[in-house]
């Protein structure tokens, strides 16, 4: 397993642990209502703001798009039609890329 893969999967674990904190994921879609200075800082926020997300299953050239979500009072589906998973993939992809050495 490469260091990049390890960092990517560890970031998913971090994200799921953040979503498990009481009050951080009101609608239980793994997007959270706050992050604390860990880059990238806006990708996994459960807001209606548009952000860059990706489908990392096509790595090394992930499908990238701009997407907004529903906010923390309406569940964003993990797959079609909302693809909350794309935000989680972009977050892990960017985090791992920024921490390669």
PDB file of N, CA and C in Angstrom:
ATOM      1  N   UNK A   1       0.847  -1.176   0.000  1.00  0.00           N
ATOM      2  CA  UNK A   1       0.000   0.000   0.000  1.00  0.00           C
ATOM      3  C   UNK A   1       0.889   1.235   0.000  1.00  0.00           C
ATOM      4  N   UNK A   2       0.588   2.177  -0.879  1.00  0.00           N
ATOM      5  CA  UNK A   2       1.385   3.393  -0.956  1.00  0.00           C
ATOM      6  C   UNK A   2       1.022   4.345   0.185  1.00  0.00           C
ATOM      7  N   UNK A   3       1.930   5.272   0.465  1.00  0.00           N
ATOM      8  CA  UNK A   3       1.660   6.277   1.496  1.00  0.00           C
ATOM      9  C   UNK A   3       0.452   7.123   1.106  1.00  0.00           C
ATOM     10  N   UNK A   4       0.320   7.437  -0.183  1.00  0.00           N
ATOM     11  CA  UNK A   4      -0.806   8.242  -0.648  1.00  0.00           C
ATOM     12  C   UNK A   4      -2.129   7.534  -0.357  1.00  0.00           C
ATOM     13  N   UNK A   5      -2.185   6.231  -0.639  1.00  0.00           N
ATOM     14  CA  UNK A   5      -3.401   5.455  -0.377  1.00  0.00           C
ATOM     15  C   UNK A   5      -3.699   5.420   1.111  1.00  0.00           C
ATOM     16  N   UNK A   6      -2.668   5.239   1.918  1.00  0.00           N
ATOM     17  CA  UNK A   6      -2.837   5.219   3.369  1.00  0.00           C
ATOM     18  C   UNK A   6      -3.385   6.556   3.869  1.00  0.00           C
ATOM     19  N   UNK A   7      -2.831   7.671   3.383  1.00  0.00           N
ATOM     20  CA  UNK A   7      -3.300   8.995   3.792  1.00  0.00           C
ATOM     21  C   UNK A   7      -4.743   9.222   3.328  1.00  0.00           C
ATOM     22  N   UNK A   8      -5.064   8.775   2.126  1.00  0.00           N
ATOM     23  CA  UNK A   8      -6.413   8.928   1.578  1.00  0.00           C
ATOM     24  C   UNK A   8      -7.425   8.189   2.452  1.00  0.00           C
ATOM     25  N   UNK A   9      -7.149   6.937   2.757  1.00  0.00           N
ATOM     26  CA  UNK A   9      -8.081   6.135   3.558  1.00  0.00           C
ATOM     27  C   UNK A   9      -8.137   6.616   5.005  1.00  0.00           C
ATOM     28  N   UNK A  10      -7.018   7.091   5.535  1.00  0.00           N
ATOM     29  CA  UNK A  10      -7.003   7.642   6.896  1.00  0.00           C
ATOM     30  C   UNK A  10      -7.872   8.900   6.961  1.00  0.00           C
ATOM     31  N   UNK A  11      -7.863   9.678   5.893  1.00  0.00           N
ATOM     32  CA  UNK A  11      -8.694  10.876   5.860  1.00  0.00           C
ATOM     33  C   UNK A  11     -10.180  10.516   5.881  1.00  0.00           C
ATOM     34  N   UNK A  12     -10.549   9.434   5.189  1.00  0.00           N
ATOM     35  CA  UNK A  12     -11.939   8.976   5.268  1.00  0.00           C
ATOM     36  C   UNK A  12     -12.299   8.607   6.707  1.00  0.00           C
ATOM     37  N   UNK A  13     -11.401   7.931   7.386  1.00  0.00           N
ATOM     38  CA  UNK A  13     -11.638   7.552   8.778  1.00  0.00           C
ATOM     39  C   UNK A  13     -11.812   8.791   9.644  1.00  0.00           C
ATOM     40  N   UNK A  14     -10.958   9.799   9.434  1.00  0.00           N
ATOM     41  CA  UNK A  14     -11.078  11.068  10.160  1.00  0.00           C
ATOM     42  C   UNK A  14     -12.450  11.696   9.899  1.00  0.00           C
ATOM     43  N   UNK A  15     -12.858  11.728   8.627  1.00  0.00           N
ATOM     44  CA  UNK A  15     -14.137  12.336   8.287  1.00  0.00           C
ATOM     45  C   UNK A  15     -15.298  11.610   8.968  1.00  0.00           C
ATOM     46  N   UNK A  16     -15.281  10.290   8.943  1.00  0.00           N
ATOM     47  CA  UNK A  16     -16.365   9.530   9.572  1.00  0.00           C
ATOM     48  C   UNK A  16     -16.363   9.745  11.083  1.00  0.00           C
ATOM     49  N   UNK A  17     -15.179   9.911  11.681  1.00  0.00           N
ATOM     50  CA  UNK A  17     -15.134  10.183  13.124  1.00  0.00           C
ATOM     51  C   UNK A  17     -15.681  11.577  13.425  1.00  0.00           C
ATOM     52  N   UNK A  18     -15.452  12.552  12.539  1.00  0.00           N
ATOM     53  CA  UNK A  18     -16.015  13.884  12.717  1.00  0.00           C
ATOM     54  C   UNK A  18     -17.543  13.840  12.631  1.00  0.00           C
ATOM     55  N   UNK A  19     -18.054  13.070  11.680  1.00  0.00           N
ATOM     56  CA  UNK A  19     -19.504  12.956  11.510  1.00  0.00           C
ATOM     57  C   UNK A  19     -20.163  12.268  12.699  1.00  0.00           C
ATOM     58  N   UNK A  20     -19.402  11.467  13.437  1.00  0.00           N
ATOM     59  CA  UNK A  20     -19.948  10.744  14.591  1.00  0.00           C
ATOM     60  C   UNK A  20     -20.045  11.608  15.847  1.00  0.00           C
ATOM     61  N   UNK A  21     -19.418  12.784  15.851  1.00  0.00           N
ATOM     62  CA  UNK A  21     -19.481  13.680  17.001  1.00  0.00           C
ATOM     63  C   UNK A  21     -20.886  14.282  17.086  1.00  0.00           C
ATOM     64  N   UNK A  22     -21.487  14.179  18.240  1.00  0.00           N
ATOM     65  CA  UNK A  22     -22.862  14.670  18.433  1.00  0.00           C
ATOM     66  C   UNK A  22     -22.988  16.126  17.979  1.00  0.00           C
ATOM     67  N   UNK A  23     -23.974  16.388  17.142  1.00  0.00           N
ATOM     68  CA  UNK A  23     -24.260  17.736  16.684  1.00  0.00           C
ATOM     69  C   UNK A  23     -23.537  18.178  15.432  1.00  0.00           C
ATOM     70  N   UNK A  24     -22.558  17.397  14.954  1.00  0.00           N
ATOM     71  CA  UNK A  24     -21.798  17.810  13.768  1.00  0.00           C
ATOM     72  C   UNK A  24     -22.402  17.334  12.459  1.00  0.00           C
ATOM     73  N   UNK A  25     -23.294  16.345  12.509  1.00  0.00           N
ATOM     74  CA  UNK A  25     -23.911  15.814  11.299  1.00  0.00           C
ATOM     75  C   UNK A  25     -25.377  15.537  11.587  1.00  0.00           C
ATOM     76  N   UNK A  26     -26.159  16.587  11.593  1.00  0.00           N
ATOM     77  CA  UNK A  26     -27.569  16.495  11.983  1.00  0.00           C
ATOM     78  C   UNK A  26     -28.368  15.529  11.120  1.00  0.00           C
ATOM     79  N   UNK A  27     -28.059  15.460   9.829  1.00  0.00           N
ATOM     80  CA  UNK A  27     -28.858  14.625   8.925  1.00  0.00           C
ATOM     81  C   UNK A  27     -28.197  13.292   8.563  1.00  0.00           C
ATOM     82  N   UNK A  28     -27.059  12.990   9.167  1.00  0.00           N
ATOM     83  CA  UNK A  28     -26.380  11.684   9.049  1.00  0.00           C
ATOM     84  C   UNK A  28     -26.000  11.323   7.612  1.00  0.00           C
ATOM     85  N   UNK A  29     -25.447  12.294   6.879  1.00  0.00           N
ATOM     86  CA  UNK A  29     -24.997  12.020   5.510  1.00  0.00           C
ATOM     87  C   UNK A  29     -23.473  12.096   5.376  1.00  0.00           C
ATOM     88  N   UNK A  30     -22.763  12.172   6.501  1.00  0.00           N
ATOM     89  CA  UNK A  30     -21.303  12.230   6.599  1.00  0.00           C
ATOM     90  C   UNK A  30     -20.717  13.575   6.191  1.00  0.00           C
ATOM     91  N   UNK A  31     -21.547  14.531   5.768  1.00  0.00           N
ATOM     92  CA  UNK A  31     -21.095  15.897   5.589  1.00  0.00           C
ATOM     93  C   UNK A  31     -21.365  16.609   6.906  1.00  0.00           C
ATOM     94  N   UNK A  32     -20.444  17.443   7.355  1.00  0.00           N
ATOM     95  CA  UNK A  32     -20.531  18.022   8.692  1.00  0.00           C
ATOM     96  C   UNK A  32     -20.794  19.528   8.640  1.00  0.00           C
ATOM     97  N   UNK A  33     -21.232  20.085   9.762  1.00  0.00           N
ATOM     98  CA  UNK A  33     -21.549  21.506   9.797  1.00  0.00           C
ATOM     99  C   UNK A  33     -20.363  22.379  10.188  1.00  0.00           C
ATOM    100  N   UNK A  34     -19.218  21.780  10.525  1.00  0.00           N
ATOM    101  CA  UNK A  34     -18.024  22.569  10.836  1.00  0.00           C
ATOM    102  C   UNK A  34     -16.771  21.701  10.740  1.00  0.00           C
ATOM    103  N   UNK A  35     -15.682  22.343  10.341  1.00  0.00           N
ATOM    104  CA  UNK A  35     -14.358  21.723  10.354  1.00  0.00           C
ATOM    105  C   UNK A  35     -13.402  22.720  10.990  1.00  0.00           C
ATOM    106  N   UNK A  36     -12.322  22.240  11.535  1.00  0.00           N
ATOM    107  CA  UNK A  36     -11.415  23.101  12.292  1.00  0.00           C
ATOM    108  C   UNK A  36     -10.038  23.184  11.660  1.00  0.00           C
ATOM    109  N   UNK A  37      -9.918  23.966  10.587  1.00  0.00           N
ATOM    110  CA  UNK A  37      -8.626  24.316  10.023  1.00  0.00           C
ATOM    111  C   UNK A  37      -7.816  23.192   9.423  1.00  0.00           C
ATOM    112  N   UNK A  38      -8.428  22.063   9.109  1.00  0.00           N
ATOM    113  CA  UNK A  38      -7.695  20.970   8.490  1.00  0.00           C
ATOM    114  C   UNK A  38      -8.011  21.004   6.995  1.00  0.00           C
ATOM    115  N   UNK A  39      -7.012  21.284   6.189  1.00  0.00           N
ATOM    116  CA  UNK A  39      -7.196  21.449   4.748  1.00  0.00           C
ATOM    117  C   UNK A  39      -7.603  20.128   4.112  1.00  0.00           C
ATOM    118  N   UNK A  40      -8.505  20.111   3.135  1.00  0.00           N
ATOM    119  CA  UNK A  40      -9.299  21.233   2.660  1.00  0.00           C
ATOM    120  C   UNK A  40     -10.435  21.551   3.624  1.00  0.00           C
ATOM    121  N   UNK A  41     -10.700  22.804   3.827  1.00  0.00           N
ATOM    122  CA  UNK A  41     -11.605  23.196   4.911  1.00  0.00           C
ATOM    123  C   UNK A  41     -13.072  23.272   4.536  1.00  0.00           C
ATOM    124  N   UNK A  42     -13.413  23.323   3.258  1.00  0.00           N
ATOM    125  CA  UNK A  42     -14.832  23.486   2.936  1.00  0.00           C
ATOM    126  C   UNK A  42     -15.453  22.297   2.208  1.00  0.00           C
ATOM    127  N   UNK A  43     -14.654  21.346   1.764  1.00  0.00           N
ATOM    128  CA  UNK A  43     -15.156  20.273   0.907  1.00  0.00           C
ATOM    129  C   UNK A  43     -16.273  19.483   1.558  1.00  0.00           C
ATOM    130  N   UNK A  44     -16.129  19.115   2.810  1.00  0.00           N
ATOM    131  CA  UNK A  44     -17.093  18.232   3.467  1.00  0.00           C
ATOM    132  C   UNK A  44     -18.117  18.975   4.312  1.00  0.00           C
ATOM    133  N   UNK A  45     -18.162  20.309   4.182  1.00  0.00           N
ATOM    134  CA  UNK A  45     -19.186  21.053   4.900  1.00  0.00           C
ATOM    135  C   UNK A  45     -20.550  20.780   4.291  1.00  0.00           C
ATOM    136  N   UNK A  46     -21.524  20.578   5.131  1.00  0.00           N
ATOM    137  CA  UNK A  46     -22.888  20.339   4.662  1.00  0.00           C
ATOM    138  C   UNK A  46     -23.573  21.680   4.498  1.00  0.00           C
ATOM    139  N   UNK A  47     -23.219  22.356   3.416  1.00  0.00           N
ATOM    140  CA  UNK A  47     -23.780  23.682   3.138  1.00  0.00           C
ATOM    141  C   UNK A  47     -24.277  23.718   1.703  1.00  0.00           C
ATOM    142  N   UNK A  48     -24.938  24.790   1.364  1.00  0.00           N
ATOM    143  CA  UNK A  48     -25.434  24.968   0.005  1.00  0.00           C
ATOM    144  C   UNK A  48     -24.408  25.673  -0.885  1.00  0.00           C
ATOM    145  N   UNK A  49     -23.222  25.946  -0.344  1.00  0.00           N
ATOM    146  CA  UNK A  49     -22.149  26.570  -1.123  1.00  0.00           C
ATOM    147  C   UNK A  49     -21.638  25.595  -2.175  1.00  0.00           C
ATOM    148  N   UNK A  50     -21.365  26.087  -3.361  1.00  0.00           N
ATOM    149  CA  UNK A  50     -20.790  25.261  -4.425  1.00  0.00           C
ATOM    150  C   UNK A  50     -19.313  25.038  -4.130  1.00  0.00           C
ATOM    151  N   UNK A  51     -18.859  23.810  -4.336  1.00  0.00           N
ATOM    152  CA  UNK A  51     -17.438  23.495  -4.158  1.00  0.00           C
ATOM    153  C   UNK A  51     -17.036  22.449  -5.181  1.00  0.00           C
ATOM    154  N   UNK A  52     -15.731  22.285  -5.397  1.00  0.00           N
ATOM    155  CA  UNK A  52     -15.204  21.285  -6.311  1.00  0.00           C
ATOM    156  C   UNK A  52     -15.231  19.933  -5.613  1.00  0.00           C
ATOM    157  N   UNK A  53     -15.791  18.942  -6.286  1.00  0.00           N
ATOM    158  CA  UNK A  53     -15.839  17.574  -5.769  1.00  0.00           C
ATOM    159  C   UNK A  53     -15.406  16.633  -6.886  1.00  0.00           C
ATOM    160  N   UNK A  54     -15.156  15.369  -6.549  1.00  0.00           N
ATOM    161  CA  UNK A  54     -14.707  14.443  -7.584  1.00  0.00           C
ATOM    162  C   UNK A  54     -15.186  13.023  -7.331  1.00  0.00           C
ATOM    163  N   UNK A  55     -15.208  12.267  -8.406  1.00  0.00           N
ATOM    164  CA  UNK A  55     -15.428  10.829  -8.331  1.00  0.00           C
ATOM    165  C   UNK A  55     -14.059  10.200  -8.473  1.00  0.00           C
ATOM    166  N   UNK A  56     -13.447   9.864  -7.373  1.00  0.00           N
ATOM    167  CA  UNK A  56     -12.071   9.382  -7.376  1.00  0.00           C
ATOM    168  C   UNK A  56     -11.946   7.953  -7.885  1.00  0.00           C
ATOM    169  N   UNK A  57     -13.057   7.291  -8.191  1.00  0.00           N
ATOM    170  CA  UNK A  57     -12.959   5.918  -8.673  1.00  0.00           C
ATOM    171  C   UNK A  57     -12.302   5.853 -10.048  1.00  0.00           C
ATOM    172  N   UNK A  58     -12.184   6.992 -10.708  1.00  0.00           N
ATOM    173  CA  UNK A  58     -11.515   7.015 -12.006  1.00  0.00           C
ATOM    174  C   UNK A  58     -10.078   7.530 -11.888  1.00  0.00           C
ATOM    175  N   UNK A  59      -9.477   7.432 -10.684  1.00  0.00           N
ATOM    176  CA  UNK A  59      -8.099   7.869 -10.468  1.00  0.00           C
ATOM    177  C   UNK A  59      -7.178   7.099 -11.414  1.00  0.00           C
ATOM    178  N   UNK A  60      -6.073   7.673 -11.885  1.00  0.00           N
ATOM    179  CA  UNK A  60      -5.465   8.923 -11.434  1.00  0.00           C
ATOM    180  C   UNK A  60      -6.071  10.173 -12.056  1.00  0.00           C
ATOM    181  N   UNK A  61      -7.103  10.057 -12.870  1.00  0.00           N
ATOM    182  CA  UNK A  61      -7.757  11.227 -13.463  1.00  0.00           C
ATOM    183  C   UNK A  61      -9.206  11.284 -13.006  1.00  0.00           C
ATOM    184  N   UNK A  62      -9.433  11.711 -11.766  1.00  0.00           N
ATOM    185  CA  UNK A  62     -10.802  11.683 -11.242  1.00  0.00           C
ATOM    186  C   UNK A  62     -11.718  12.645 -11.978  1.00  0.00           C
ATOM    187  N   UNK A  63     -12.970  12.246 -12.090  1.00  0.00           N
ATOM    188  CA  UNK A  63     -14.000  13.097 -12.677  1.00  0.00           C
ATOM    189  C   UNK A  63     -14.283  14.212 -11.687  1.00  0.00           C
ATOM    190  N   UNK A  64     -14.100  15.458 -12.089  1.00  0.00           N
ATOM    191  CA  UNK A  64     -14.237  16.622 -11.205  1.00  0.00           C
ATOM    192  C   UNK A  64     -15.425  17.464 -11.667  1.00  0.00           C
ATOM    193  N   UNK A  65     -16.187  17.984 -10.713  1.00  0.00           N
ATOM    194  CA  UNK A  65     -17.302  18.869 -11.026  1.00  0.00           C
ATOM    195  C   UNK A  65     -17.551  19.819  -9.871  1.00  0.00           C
ATOM    196  N   UNK A  66     -18.320  20.857 -10.125  1.00  0.00           N
ATOM    197  CA  UNK A  66     -18.781  21.769  -9.079  1.00  0.00           C
ATOM    198  C   UNK A  66     -20.136  21.271  -8.601  1.00  0.00           C
ATOM    199  N   UNK A  67     -20.317  21.216  -7.292  1.00  0.00           N
ATOM    200  CA  UNK A  67     -21.567  20.694  -6.746  1.00  0.00           C
ATOM    201  C   UNK A  67     -21.869  21.403  -5.434  1.00  0.00           C
ATOM    202  N   UNK A  68     -23.144  21.629  -5.183  1.00  0.00           N
ATOM    203  CA  UNK A  68     -23.611  22.147  -3.896  1.00  0.00           C
ATOM    204  C   UNK A  68     -24.481  21.075  -3.254  1.00  0.00           C
ATOM    205  N   UNK A  69     -24.595  21.119  -1.947  1.00  0.00           N
ATOM    206  CA  UNK A  69     -25.412  20.147  -1.235  1.00  0.00           C
ATOM    207  C   UNK A  69     -26.585  20.856  -0.562  1.00  0.00           C
ATOM    208  N   UNK A  70     -27.395  20.117   0.169  1.00  0.00           N
ATOM    209  CA  UNK A  70     -28.657  20.636   0.693  1.00  0.00           C
ATOM    210  C   UNK A  70     -28.553  21.361   2.029  1.00  0.00           C
ATOM    211  N   UNK A  71     -27.435  21.253   2.716  1.00  0.00           N
ATOM    212  CA  UNK A  71     -27.333  21.795   4.060  1.00  0.00           C
ATOM    213  C   UNK A  71     -27.608  20.694   5.082  1.00  0.00           C
ATOM    214  N   UNK A  72     -27.451  21.016   6.345  1.00  0.00           N
ATOM    215  CA  UNK A  72     -27.472  19.990   7.387  1.00  0.00           C
ATOM    216  C   UNK A  72     -28.865  19.612   7.864  1.00  0.00           C
ATOM    217  N   UNK A  73     -29.910  20.151   7.240  1.00  0.00           N
ATOM    218  CA  UNK A  73     -31.258  19.765   7.651  1.00  0.00           C
ATOM    219  C   UNK A  73     -31.917  18.816   6.652  1.00  0.00           C
ATOM    220  N   UNK A  74     -31.290  18.615   5.498  1.00  0.00           N
ATOM    221  CA  UNK A  74     -31.810  17.711   4.470  1.00  0.00           C
ATOM    222  C   UNK A  74     -30.716  16.718   4.104  1.00  0.00           C
ATOM    223  N   UNK A  75     -31.030  15.443   4.147  1.00  0.00           N
ATOM    224  CA  UNK A  75     -30.039  14.401   3.851  1.00  0.00           C
ATOM    225  C   UNK A  75     -29.608  14.477   2.387  1.00  0.00           C
ATOM    226  N   UNK A  76     -28.285  14.465   2.173  1.00  0.00           N
ATOM    227  CA  UNK A  76     -27.722  14.333   0.833  1.00  0.00           C
ATOM    228  C   UNK A  76     -27.420  12.857   0.625  1.00  0.00           C
ATOM    229  N   UNK A  77     -27.971  12.276  -0.426  1.00  0.00           N
ATOM    230  CA  UNK A  77     -27.723  10.852  -0.657  1.00  0.00           C
ATOM    231  C   UNK A  77     -26.255  10.626  -1.011  1.00  0.00           C
ATOM    232  N   UNK A  78     -25.749   9.471  -0.617  1.00  0.00           N
ATOM    233  CA  UNK A  78     -24.351   9.148  -0.842  1.00  0.00           C
ATOM    234  C   UNK A  78     -24.080   8.929  -2.325  1.00  0.00           C
ATOM    235  N   UNK A  79     -25.060   8.438  -3.027  1.00  0.00           N
ATOM    236  CA  UNK A  79     -24.967   8.188  -4.470  1.00  0.00           C
ATOM    237  C   UNK A  79     -25.950   9.106  -5.201  1.00  0.00           C
ATOM    238  N   UNK A  80     -26.498   8.641  -6.293  1.00  0.00           N
ATOM    239  CA  UNK A  80     -27.443   9.407  -7.107  1.00  0.00           C
ATOM    240  C   UNK A  80     -28.662   9.835  -6.294  1.00  0.00           C
ATOM    241  N   UNK A  81     -29.146  11.043  -6.343  1.00  0.00           N
ATOM    242  CA  UNK A  81     -28.763  12.122  -7.255  1.00  0.00           C
ATOM    243  C   UNK A  81     -27.782  13.123  -6.656  1.00  0.00           C
ATOM    244  N   UNK A  82     -27.491  13.020  -5.342  1.00  0.00           N
ATOM    245  CA  UNK A  82     -26.693  14.066  -4.683  1.00  0.00           C
ATOM    246  C   UNK A  82     -25.189  13.824  -4.703  1.00  0.00           C
ATOM    247  N   UNK A  83     -24.778  12.589  -4.623  1.00  0.00           N
ATOM    248  CA  UNK A  83     -23.367  12.215  -4.627  1.00  0.00           C
ATOM    249  C   UNK A  83     -22.559  12.902  -3.531  1.00  0.00           C
ATOM    250  N   UNK A  84     -23.032  12.780  -2.305  1.00  0.00           N
ATOM    251  CA  UNK A  84     -22.245  13.275  -1.169  1.00  0.00           C
ATOM    252  C   UNK A  84     -20.891  12.586  -1.119  1.00  0.00           C
ATOM    253  N   UNK A  85     -20.815  11.377  -1.646  1.00  0.00           N
ATOM    254  CA  UNK A  85     -19.544  10.643  -1.677  1.00  0.00           C
ATOM    255  C   UNK A  85     -18.482  11.395  -2.474  1.00  0.00           C
ATOM    256  N   UNK A  86     -18.883  12.203  -3.458  1.00  0.00           N
ATOM    257  CA  UNK A  86     -17.906  12.970  -4.230  1.00  0.00           C
ATOM    258  C   UNK A  86     -17.183  13.990  -3.352  1.00  0.00           C
ATOM    259  N   UNK A  87     -17.888  14.595  -2.413  1.00  0.00           N
ATOM    260  CA  UNK A  87     -17.238  15.542  -1.498  1.00  0.00           C
ATOM    261  C   UNK A  87     -16.226  14.810  -0.620  1.00  0.00           C
ATOM    262  N   UNK A  88     -16.597  13.635  -0.135  1.00  0.00           N
ATOM    263  CA  UNK A  88     -15.684  12.855   0.710  1.00  0.00           C
ATOM    264  C   UNK A  88     -14.458  12.409  -0.076  1.00  0.00           C
ATOM    265  N   UNK A  89     -14.658  12.034  -1.336  1.00  0.00           N
ATOM    266  CA  UNK A  89     -13.528  11.617  -2.171  1.00  0.00           C
ATOM    267  C   UNK A  89     -12.594  12.777  -2.472  1.00  0.00           C
ATOM    268  N   UNK A  90     -13.154  13.941  -2.802  1.00  0.00           N
ATOM    269  CA  UNK A  90     -12.314  15.112  -3.080  1.00  0.00           C
ATOM    270  C   UNK A  90     -11.512  15.499  -1.845  1.00  0.00           C
ATOM    271  N   UNK A  91     -12.157  15.481  -0.693  1.00  0.00           N
ATOM    272  CA  UNK A  91     -11.479  15.805   0.560  1.00  0.00           C
ATOM    273  C   UNK A  91     -10.297  14.875   0.789  1.00  0.00           C
ATOM    274  N   UNK A  92     -10.522  13.572   0.650  1.00  0.00           N
ATOM    275  CA  UNK A  92      -9.454  12.593   0.879  1.00  0.00           C
ATOM    276  C   UNK A  92      -8.368  12.697  -0.186  1.00  0.00           C
ATOM    277  N   UNK A  93      -8.759  12.927  -1.427  1.00  0.00           N
ATOM    278  CA  UNK A  93      -7.810  13.055  -2.531  1.00  0.00           C
ATOM    279  C   UNK A  93      -6.890  14.258  -2.325  1.00  0.00           C
ATOM    280  N   UNK A  94      -7.474  15.413  -2.004  1.00  0.00           N
ATOM    281  CA  UNK A  94      -6.675  16.627  -1.790  1.00  0.00           C
ATOM    282  C   UNK A  94      -5.800  16.482  -0.546  1.00  0.00           C
ATOM    283  N   UNK A  95      -6.352  15.944   0.529  1.00  0.00           N
ATOM    284  CA  UNK A  95      -5.575  15.772   1.749  1.00  0.00           C
ATOM    285  C   UNK A  95      -4.359  14.887   1.503  1.00  0.00           C
ATOM    286  N   UNK A  96      -4.570  13.762   0.845  1.00  0.00           N
ATOM    287  CA  UNK A  96      -3.460  12.845   0.581  1.00  0.00           C
ATOM    288  C   UNK A  96      -2.422  13.499  -0.332  1.00  0.00           C
ATOM    289  N   UNK A  97      -2.875  14.220  -1.342  1.00  0.00           N
ATOM    290  CA  UNK A  97      -1.944  14.893  -2.264  1.00  0.00           C
ATOM    291  C   UNK A  97      -1.131  15.966  -1.551  1.00  0.00           C
ATOM    292  N   UNK A  98      -1.752  16.676  -0.617  1.00  0.00           N
ATOM    293  CA  UNK A  98      -1.054  17.728   0.123  1.00  0.00           C
ATOM    294  C   UNK A  98      -0.102  17.185   1.174  1.00  0.00           C
ATOM    295  N   UNK A  99      -0.206  15.908   1.489  1.00  0.00           N
ATOM    296  CA  UNK A  99       0.636  15.315   2.531  1.00  0.00           C
ATOM    297  C   UNK A  99       1.577  14.242   2.019  1.00  0.00           C
ATOM    298  N   UNK A 100       1.807  14.226   0.721  1.00  0.00           N
ATOM    299  CA  UNK A 100       2.809  13.301   0.156  1.00  0.00           C
ATOM    300  C   UNK A 100       4.189  13.799   0.499  1.00  0.00           C
ATOM    301  N   UNK A 101       5.094  12.869   0.719  1.00  0.00           N
ATOM    302  CA  UNK A 101       6.489  13.260   0.982  1.00  0.00           C
ATOM    303  C   UNK A 101       7.413  12.260   0.369  1.00  0.00           C
TER     304      UNK A 101
END
